[in-house]
Amino acid sequence: MAADKGEQAVEQALVEQWREMLALHARTQCELDRALHGHGLCASDFEVLDVLSGTAPAGACDFRVQEIAERVHLSQSALSRLIARLEKDGLVGRAMCPEDRRGVRVTLTERGRELHGEVLPVQRSVLSRMLTDSG
């Protein structure tokens, strides 16, 4: 019986930790959306721009849609809609993948690179505020 209570306490602590993580994620996501809204972006938009800016030199088509999906934790269909919107806004460009004609590669446009640079400090400030002990 004592072991059962001990196991239940451990399980309950894990559940509470999990719920705290979910709550922190939700609060941070909302705060990011709020902070980025004035720049015409949401948190998911920024994540795509951030991934593309991280390793793709200007003008390169470095990421396939499925590679971006793995990094931003969106389904491929949700990401495809997001990329279509970013493309319509002139922030990214899409091109057929030369080595696999079924694939699509995505790159930042100059406008996307500039906007990313403008909002990067905003996003990092929110993360710093929300994810430190003082947040």
C-alpha atoms as a PDB file:
ATOM      1  CA  MET A   1       0.000   0.000   0.000  1.00  0.00           C
ATOM      2  CA  ALA A   2       2.812   2.438   0.862  1.00  0.00           C
ATOM      3  CA  ALA A   3       4.487   1.682  -2.473  1.00  0.00           C
ATOM      4  CA  ASP A   4       1.211   2.426  -4.241  1.00  0.00           C
ATOM      5  CA  LYS A   5       0.985   5.813  -2.520  1.00  0.00           C
ATOM      6  CA  GLY A   6       4.603   6.519  -3.422  1.00  0.00           C
ATOM      7  CA  GLU A   7       3.992   5.583  -7.064  1.00  0.00           C
ATOM      8  CA  GLN A   8       0.837   7.699  -7.136  1.00  0.00           C
ATOM      9  CA  ALA A   9       2.761  10.659  -5.741  1.00  0.00           C
ATOM     10  CA  VAL A  10       5.446  10.266  -8.416  1.00  0.00           C
ATOM     11  CA  GLU A  11       2.815   9.981 -11.141  1.00  0.00           C
ATOM     12  CA  GLN A  12       0.952  13.015  -9.824  1.00  0.00           C
ATOM     13  CA  ALA A  13       4.172  15.037  -9.751  1.00  0.00           C
ATOM     14  CA  LEU A  14       4.838  14.074 -13.383  1.00  0.00           C
ATOM     15  CA  VAL A  15       1.314  15.057 -14.401  1.00  0.00           C
ATOM     16  CA  GLU A  16       1.660  18.400 -12.617  1.00  0.00           C
ATOM     17  CA  GLN A  17       5.042  19.020 -14.270  1.00  0.00           C
ATOM     18  CA  TRP A  18       3.535  18.182 -17.675  1.00  0.00           C
ATOM     19  CA  ARG A  19       0.606  20.562 -17.112  1.00  0.00           C
ATOM     20  CA  GLU A  20       2.971  23.335 -15.994  1.00  0.00           C
ATOM     21  CA  MET A  21       4.974  22.858 -19.212  1.00  0.00           C
ATOM     22  CA  LEU A  22       1.793  23.027 -21.298  1.00  0.00           C
ATOM     23  CA  ALA A  23       0.666  26.164 -19.478  1.00  0.00           C
ATOM     24  CA  LEU A  24       4.055  27.829 -19.961  1.00  0.00           C
ATOM     25  CA  HIS A  25       3.977  26.939 -23.649  1.00  0.00           C
ATOM     26  CA  ALA A  26       0.460  28.354 -24.038  1.00  0.00           C
ATOM     27  CA  ARG A  27       1.319  31.588 -22.187  1.00  0.00           C
ATOM     28  CA  THR A  28       4.524  32.023 -24.200  1.00  0.00           C
ATOM     29  CA  GLN A  29       2.772  31.312 -27.503  1.00  0.00           C
ATOM     30  CA  CYS A  30       0.075  33.890 -26.697  1.00  0.00           C
ATOM     31  CA  GLU A  31       2.658  36.467 -25.687  1.00  0.00           C
ATOM     32  CA  LEU A  32       4.646  35.854 -28.881  1.00  0.00           C
ATOM     33  CA  ASP A  33       1.504  36.197 -30.989  1.00  0.00           C
ATOM     34  CA  ARG A  34       0.660  39.455 -29.212  1.00  0.00           C
ATOM     35  CA  ALA A  35       4.158  40.898 -29.612  1.00  0.00           C
ATOM     36  CA  LEU A  36       4.500  39.894 -33.274  1.00  0.00           C
ATOM     37  CA  HIS A  37       0.986  40.931 -34.318  1.00  0.00           C
ATOM     38  CA  GLY A  38       2.033  44.535 -34.853  1.00  0.00           C
ATOM     39  CA  HIS A  39       4.542  43.292 -37.441  1.00  0.00           C
ATOM     40  CA  GLY A  40       1.910  41.258 -39.296  1.00  0.00           C
ATOM     41  CA  LEU A  41       3.170  37.915 -37.991  1.00  0.00           C
ATOM     42  CA  CYS A  42       2.156  35.215 -35.563  1.00  0.00           C
ATOM     43  CA  ALA A  43       4.536  32.946 -33.674  1.00  0.00           C
ATOM     44  CA  SER A  44       4.349  30.170 -36.296  1.00  0.00           C
ATOM     45  CA  ASP A  45       5.112  32.649 -39.095  1.00  0.00           C
ATOM     46  CA  PHE A  46       8.169  33.819 -37.199  1.00  0.00           C
ATOM     47  CA  GLU A  47       9.353  30.253 -36.589  1.00  0.00           C
ATOM     48  CA  VAL A  48       9.348  29.558 -40.331  1.00  0.00           C
ATOM     49  CA  LEU A  49      11.216  32.795 -41.057  1.00  0.00           C
ATOM     50  CA  ASP A  50      13.674  31.993 -38.268  1.00  0.00           C
ATOM     51  CA  VAL A  51      14.371  28.491 -39.608  1.00  0.00           C
ATOM     52  CA  LEU A  52      14.877  29.839 -43.119  1.00  0.00           C
ATOM     53  CA  SER A  53      17.162  32.645 -41.947  1.00  0.00           C
ATOM     54  CA  GLY A  54      19.326  30.352 -39.855  1.00  0.00           C
ATOM     55  CA  THR A  55      21.210  28.519 -42.563  1.00  0.00           C
ATOM     56  CA  ALA A  56      19.978  29.618 -45.966  1.00  0.00           C
ATOM     57  CA  PRO A  57      22.185  32.214 -47.619  1.00  0.00           C
ATOM     58  CA  ALA A  58      20.286  34.967 -49.431  1.00  0.00           C
ATOM     59  CA  GLY A  59      18.682  33.613 -52.570  1.00  0.00           C
ATOM     60  CA  ALA A  60      19.252  29.943 -51.736  1.00  0.00           C
ATOM     61  CA  CYS A  61      16.489  27.329 -51.614  1.00  0.00           C
ATOM     62  CA  ASP A  62      17.787  25.372 -48.687  1.00  0.00           C
ATOM     63  CA  PHE A  63      14.732  23.803 -47.081  1.00  0.00           C
ATOM     64  CA  ARG A  64      12.141  21.403 -48.349  1.00  0.00           C
ATOM     65  CA  VAL A  65       8.683  21.857 -46.863  1.00  0.00           C
ATOM     66  CA  GLN A  66       8.916  18.577 -44.938  1.00  0.00           C
ATOM     67  CA  GLU A  67      12.268  19.662 -43.417  1.00  0.00           C
ATOM     68  CA  ILE A  68      10.669  22.879 -42.164  1.00  0.00           C
ATOM     69  CA  ALA A  69       7.689  20.919 -40.799  1.00  0.00           C
ATOM     70  CA  GLU A  70      10.027  18.825 -38.658  1.00  0.00           C
ATOM     71  CA  ARG A  71      11.614  21.938 -37.181  1.00  0.00           C
ATOM     72  CA  VAL A  72       8.484  23.985 -36.485  1.00  0.00           C
ATOM     73  CA  HIS A  73       6.253  21.107 -35.366  1.00  0.00           C
ATOM     74  CA  LEU A  74       3.374  21.781 -37.745  1.00  0.00           C
ATOM     75  CA  SER A  75       1.657  19.282 -39.966  1.00  0.00           C
ATOM     76  CA  GLN A  76       2.747  19.441 -43.569  1.00  0.00           C
ATOM     77  CA  SER A  77      -0.705  20.672 -44.643  1.00  0.00           C
ATOM     78  CA  ALA A  78      -0.786  23.446 -42.022  1.00  0.00           C
ATOM     79  CA  LEU A  79       2.736  24.447 -42.958  1.00  0.00           C
ATOM     80  CA  SER A  80       1.864  24.493 -46.662  1.00  0.00           C
ATOM     81  CA  ARG A  81      -0.988  26.940 -45.950  1.00  0.00           C
ATOM     82  CA  LEU A  82       1.300  29.089 -43.799  1.00  0.00           C
ATOM     83  CA  ILE A  83       3.992  29.133 -46.506  1.00  0.00           C
ATOM     84  CA  ALA A  84       1.395  30.062 -49.144  1.00  0.00           C
ATOM     85  CA  ARG A  85       0.366  33.035 -46.994  1.00  0.00           C
ATOM     86  CA  LEU A  86       3.981  34.080 -46.403  1.00  0.00           C
ATOM     87  CA  GLU A  87       4.601  33.802 -50.145  1.00  0.00           C
ATOM     88  CA  LYS A  88       1.541  35.952 -50.881  1.00  0.00           C
ATOM     89  CA  ASP A  89       2.955  38.540 -48.455  1.00  0.00           C
ATOM     90  CA  GLY A  90       6.277  38.477 -50.316  1.00  0.00           C
ATOM     91  CA  LEU A  91       8.254  37.029 -47.391  1.00  0.00           C
ATOM     92  CA  VAL A  92       9.205  33.661 -48.879  1.00  0.00           C
ATOM     93  CA  GLY A  93       9.556  32.131 -52.301  1.00  0.00           C
ATOM     94  CA  ARG A  94       8.870  28.575 -53.413  1.00  0.00           C
ATOM     95  CA  ALA A  95      10.592  26.632 -56.171  1.00  0.00           C
ATOM     96  CA  MET A  96      10.487  23.067 -57.420  1.00  0.00           C
ATOM     97  CA  CYS A  97      13.209  20.890 -55.992  1.00  0.00           C
ATOM     98  CA  PRO A  98      15.591  20.099 -58.874  1.00  0.00           C
ATOM     99  CA  GLU A  99      16.622  16.696 -57.507  1.00  0.00           C
ATOM    100  CA  ASP A 100      13.026  15.596 -56.801  1.00  0.00           C
ATOM    101  CA  ARG A 101      10.347  17.237 -58.912  1.00  0.00           C
ATOM    102  CA  ARG A 102       7.681  16.277 -56.361  1.00  0.00           C
ATOM    103  CA  GLY A 103       9.404  18.354 -53.692  1.00  0.00           C
ATOM    104  CA  VAL A 104       9.186  22.083 -53.073  1.00  0.00           C
ATOM    105  CA  ARG A 105      11.973  24.198 -51.634  1.00  0.00           C
ATOM    106  CA  VAL A 106      11.360  27.400 -49.704  1.00  0.00           C
ATOM    107  CA  THR A 107      13.637  30.399 -49.220  1.00  0.00           C
ATOM    108  CA  LEU A 108      13.402  33.835 -47.664  1.00  0.00           C
ATOM    109  CA  THR A 109      12.967  36.806 -49.938  1.00  0.00           C
ATOM    110  CA  GLU A 110      14.891  39.984 -49.225  1.00  0.00           C
ATOM    111  CA  ARG A 111      11.722  41.405 -47.670  1.00  0.00           C
ATOM    112  CA  GLY A 112      11.395  38.292 -45.472  1.00  0.00           C
ATOM    113  CA  ARG A 113      15.027  38.577 -44.392  1.00  0.00           C
ATOM    114  CA  GLU A 114      14.537  42.245 -43.462  1.00  0.00           C
ATOM    115  CA  LEU A 115      11.347  41.560 -41.500  1.00  0.00           C
ATOM    116  CA  HIS A 116      13.002  38.665 -39.689  1.00  0.00           C
ATOM    117  CA  GLY A 117      15.870  40.932 -38.650  1.00  0.00           C
ATOM    118  CA  GLU A 118      13.403  43.560 -37.452  1.00  0.00           C
ATOM    119  CA  VAL A 119      11.332  41.193 -35.303  1.00  0.00           C
ATOM    120  CA  LEU A 120      14.104  38.897 -34.068  1.00  0.00           C
ATOM    121  CA  PRO A 121      14.859  41.092 -31.018  1.00  0.00           C
ATOM    122  CA  VAL A 122      11.124  41.227 -30.219  1.00  0.00           C
ATOM    123  CA  GLN A 123      10.795  37.443 -30.279  1.00  0.00           C
ATOM    124  CA  ARG A 124      13.975  36.878 -28.295  1.00  0.00           C
ATOM    125  CA  SER A 125      12.876  39.437 -25.695  1.00  0.00           C
ATOM    126  CA  VAL A 126       9.569  37.613 -25.195  1.00  0.00           C
ATOM    127  CA  LEU A 127      11.375  34.282 -24.849  1.00  0.00           C
ATOM    128  CA  SER A 128      13.802  35.764 -22.353  1.00  0.00           C
ATOM    129  CA  ARG A 129      10.990  37.265 -20.287  1.00  0.00           C
ATOM    130  CA  MET A 130       8.767  34.166 -20.380  1.00  0.00           C
ATOM    131  CA  LEU A 131      11.348  31.416 -20.014  1.00  0.00           C
ATOM    132  CA  THR A 132      13.523  32.732 -17.226  1.00  0.00           C
ATOM    133  CA  ASP A 133      12.773  32.415 -13.532  1.00  0.00           C
ATOM    134  CA  SER A 134      11.781  36.074 -13.411  1.00  0.00           C
ATOM    135  CA  GLY A 135       9.182  35.448 -16.226  1.00  0.00           C
END
